[in-house]
Amino acid sequence: MMGPTLYCDRARMWASLAVDGEISEVERDSLRAHVAVCPACEAWAAGVVDLAQTLRTAPLAEPSRTLFDPPIRSRHLQLRALQLAAAAAAVAASVGLGHLAASLTSPAGGKAPSRAAIAATQEPYIEQQQLALLGRAAERTPRGRVVPV
């Protein structure tokens, strides 16, 4: 053979799948047939089997140091975080109390009707007015034949 062909590429892929047991019977038969006539793919398939065996039997490597060291927090940083949390709670409480006081002291209880609410209550009356105008216009139109003058 001159060099790797499409059959060689497929056979090498099948050899990799065979190592993990993820090959069908048809692919296994095709791999055996190709490896029987192609010494390069036979050597490659044997190398894949050896590599997989070596990796599976090798001991797991332990990292020399941890990748994520737990943060070291000083007493000063903990106190600062507590101060910030207390300040945020005080601001939230003052905003809430201010809103409550404003709603209790407003003359209408803070509930003025919106334009949308007013328009929604007036909508039936507007429709009635339009229907009345349409009826009047229909009464004014002449009935029968119109003769140009």
Protein backbone atom coordinates (compact mmCIF):
# COMPACT_ATOMS: atom_id res chain seq x y z
CA MET A 1 0.00 0.00 0.00
CA MET A 2 1.15 3.53 -0.73
CA GLY A 3 -0.17 5.23 2.39
CA PRO A 4 -3.19 5.50 4.64
CA THR A 5 -6.42 5.42 2.70
CA LEU A 6 -10.02 6.04 3.61
CA TYR A 7 -10.20 2.38 4.65
CA CYS A 8 -7.20 2.89 6.92
CA ASP A 9 -8.85 5.92 8.55
CA ARG A 10 -12.01 3.93 9.20
CA ALA A 11 -10.07 0.94 10.49
CA ARG A 12 -8.12 3.13 12.91
CA MET A 13 -11.34 4.70 14.17
CA TRP A 14 -12.84 1.22 14.63
CA ALA A 15 -9.70 0.10 16.49
CA SER A 16 -10.13 2.99 18.92
CA LEU A 17 -13.79 2.13 19.40
CA ALA A 18 -12.96 -1.55 19.89
CA VAL A 19 -10.62 -0.76 22.79
CA ASP A 20 -13.56 0.78 24.66
CA GLY A 21 -16.01 -1.93 23.56
CA GLU A 22 -18.06 0.52 21.49
CA ILE A 23 -17.90 -1.23 18.13
CA SER A 24 -20.64 -3.14 16.32
CA GLU A 25 -20.18 -6.65 14.98
CA VAL A 26 -20.14 -5.43 11.38
CA GLU A 27 -17.45 -2.87 12.20
CA ARG A 28 -15.45 -5.49 14.12
CA ASP A 29 -15.55 -7.84 11.10
CA SER A 30 -14.51 -5.01 8.77
CA LEU A 31 -11.64 -4.11 11.11
CA ARG A 32 -10.40 -7.72 11.19
CA ALA A 33 -10.56 -7.96 7.40
CA HIS A 34 -8.63 -4.71 6.92
CA VAL A 35 -5.99 -5.44 9.57
CA ALA A 36 -5.37 -8.83 7.92
CA VAL A 37 -4.19 -7.11 4.72
CA CYS A 38 -2.75 -3.82 6.08
CA PRO A 39 0.33 -4.18 8.33
CA ALA A 40 0.38 -0.43 9.13
CA CYS A 41 -3.14 -0.53 10.57
CA GLU A 42 -2.35 -3.79 12.37
CA ALA A 43 0.58 -2.09 14.12
CA TRP A 44 -1.52 0.99 14.84
CA ALA A 45 -4.34 -1.08 16.37
CA ALA A 46 -1.85 -2.97 18.54
CA GLY A 47 -0.39 0.36 19.70
CA VAL A 48 -3.85 1.63 20.63
CA VAL A 49 -4.51 -1.50 22.68
CA ASP A 50 -1.14 -1.16 24.46
CA LEU A 51 -1.71 2.53 25.18
CA ALA A 52 -5.17 1.91 26.60
CA GLN A 53 -3.85 -0.91 28.77
CA THR A 54 -1.00 1.27 30.06
CA LEU A 55 -3.34 4.14 30.90
CA ARG A 56 -5.83 1.89 32.65
CA THR A 57 -3.21 0.23 34.85
CA ALA A 58 -1.23 3.38 35.68
CA PRO A 59 -1.69 4.78 39.19
CA LEU A 60 -3.60 8.01 39.50
CA ALA A 61 -1.38 11.04 39.88
CA GLU A 62 -1.98 13.28 42.87
CA PRO A 63 -1.63 17.02 42.33
CA SER A 64 1.34 18.61 44.08
CA ARG A 65 -0.86 21.35 45.54
CA THR A 66 -4.53 22.13 45.64
CA LEU A 67 -5.84 24.28 42.85
CA PHE A 68 -8.27 26.20 45.01
CA ASP A 69 -6.89 27.18 48.37
CA PRO A 70 -9.57 28.23 50.84
CA PRO A 71 -9.48 31.99 51.35
CA ILE A 72 -7.88 33.16 54.55
CA ARG A 73 -10.12 35.79 56.11
CA SER A 74 -8.77 37.97 58.80
CA ARG A 75 -10.79 39.24 61.73
CA HIS A 76 -10.68 42.73 60.20
CA LEU A 77 -12.31 41.55 56.94
CA GLN A 78 -15.04 39.70 58.83
CA LEU A 79 -15.81 42.80 60.88
CA ARG A 80 -15.90 44.96 57.74
CA ALA A 81 -18.37 42.58 56.06
CA LEU A 82 -20.60 42.69 59.14
CA GLN A 83 -20.52 46.51 59.11
CA LEU A 84 -21.51 46.63 55.44
CA ALA A 85 -24.39 44.22 56.01
CA ALA A 86 -25.66 46.29 58.95
CA ALA A 87 -25.46 49.49 56.89
CA ALA A 88 -27.40 47.91 54.03
CA ALA A 89 -30.09 46.70 56.46
CA ALA A 90 -30.36 50.20 57.98
CA VAL A 91 -30.79 51.80 54.55
CA ALA A 92 -33.46 49.27 53.57
CA ALA A 93 -35.34 49.82 56.85
CA SER A 94 -35.25 53.62 56.50
CA VAL A 95 -36.54 53.47 52.93
CA GLY A 96 -39.36 51.16 53.98
CA LEU A 97 -40.34 53.33 56.96
CA GLY A 98 -40.22 56.48 54.80
CA HIS A 99 -42.52 54.93 52.24
CA LEU A 100 -44.92 53.79 54.97
CA ALA A 101 -44.98 57.24 56.58
CA ALA A 102 -45.61 58.93 53.22
CA SER A 103 -48.50 56.61 52.37
CA LEU A 104 -50.13 57.10 55.79
CA THR A 105 -49.92 60.90 55.73
CA SER A 106 -51.05 61.50 52.13
CA PRO A 107 -54.60 62.95 51.83
CA ALA A 108 -55.99 60.30 49.45
CA GLY A 109 -54.13 57.45 51.02
CA GLY A 110 -51.72 57.53 48.09
CA LYS A 111 -54.28 56.05 45.72
CA ALA A 112 -55.18 58.58 43.04
CA PRO A 113 -57.00 57.06 40.06
CA SER A 114 -54.85 56.63 37.01
CA ARG A 115 -55.74 57.85 33.53
CA ALA A 116 -56.20 54.26 32.39
CA ALA A 117 -58.72 53.61 35.16
CA ILE A 118 -60.67 56.76 34.28
CA ALA A 119 -60.68 55.89 30.57
CA ALA A 120 -61.87 52.36 31.30
CA THR A 121 -64.88 53.63 33.25
CA GLN A 122 -65.80 56.14 30.53
CA GLU A 123 -65.47 53.71 27.64
CA PRO A 124 -69.11 52.45 27.63
CA TYR A 125 -70.42 56.04 27.57
CA ILE A 126 -68.18 56.95 24.65
CA GLU A 127 -69.44 53.94 22.69
CA GLN A 128 -73.06 54.93 23.41
CA GLN A 129 -72.40 58.46 22.17
CA GLN A 130 -70.83 57.16 18.97
CA LEU A 131 -73.80 54.85 18.32
CA ALA A 132 -76.22 57.74 18.86
CA LEU A 133 -74.30 59.90 16.37
CA LEU A 134 -74.34 57.07 13.86
CA GLY A 135 -78.09 56.68 14.27
CA ARG A 136 -78.65 60.41 13.70
CA ALA A 137 -76.51 60.34 10.59
CA ALA A 138 -78.53 57.42 9.24
CA GLU A 139 -81.77 59.36 9.80
CA ARG A 140 -80.48 62.35 7.80
CA THR A 141 -79.52 60.39 4.70
CA PRO A 142 -82.25 60.43 2.06
CA ARG A 143 -83.96 57.18 1.29
CA GLY A 144 -84.77 56.07 -2.17
CA ARG A 145 -83.26 57.19 -5.42
CA VAL A 146 -80.82 60.06 -5.51
CA VAL A 147 -81.26 62.29 -8.55
CA PRO A 148 -78.34 64.52 -9.49
CA VAL A 149 -79.31 68.16 -9.82
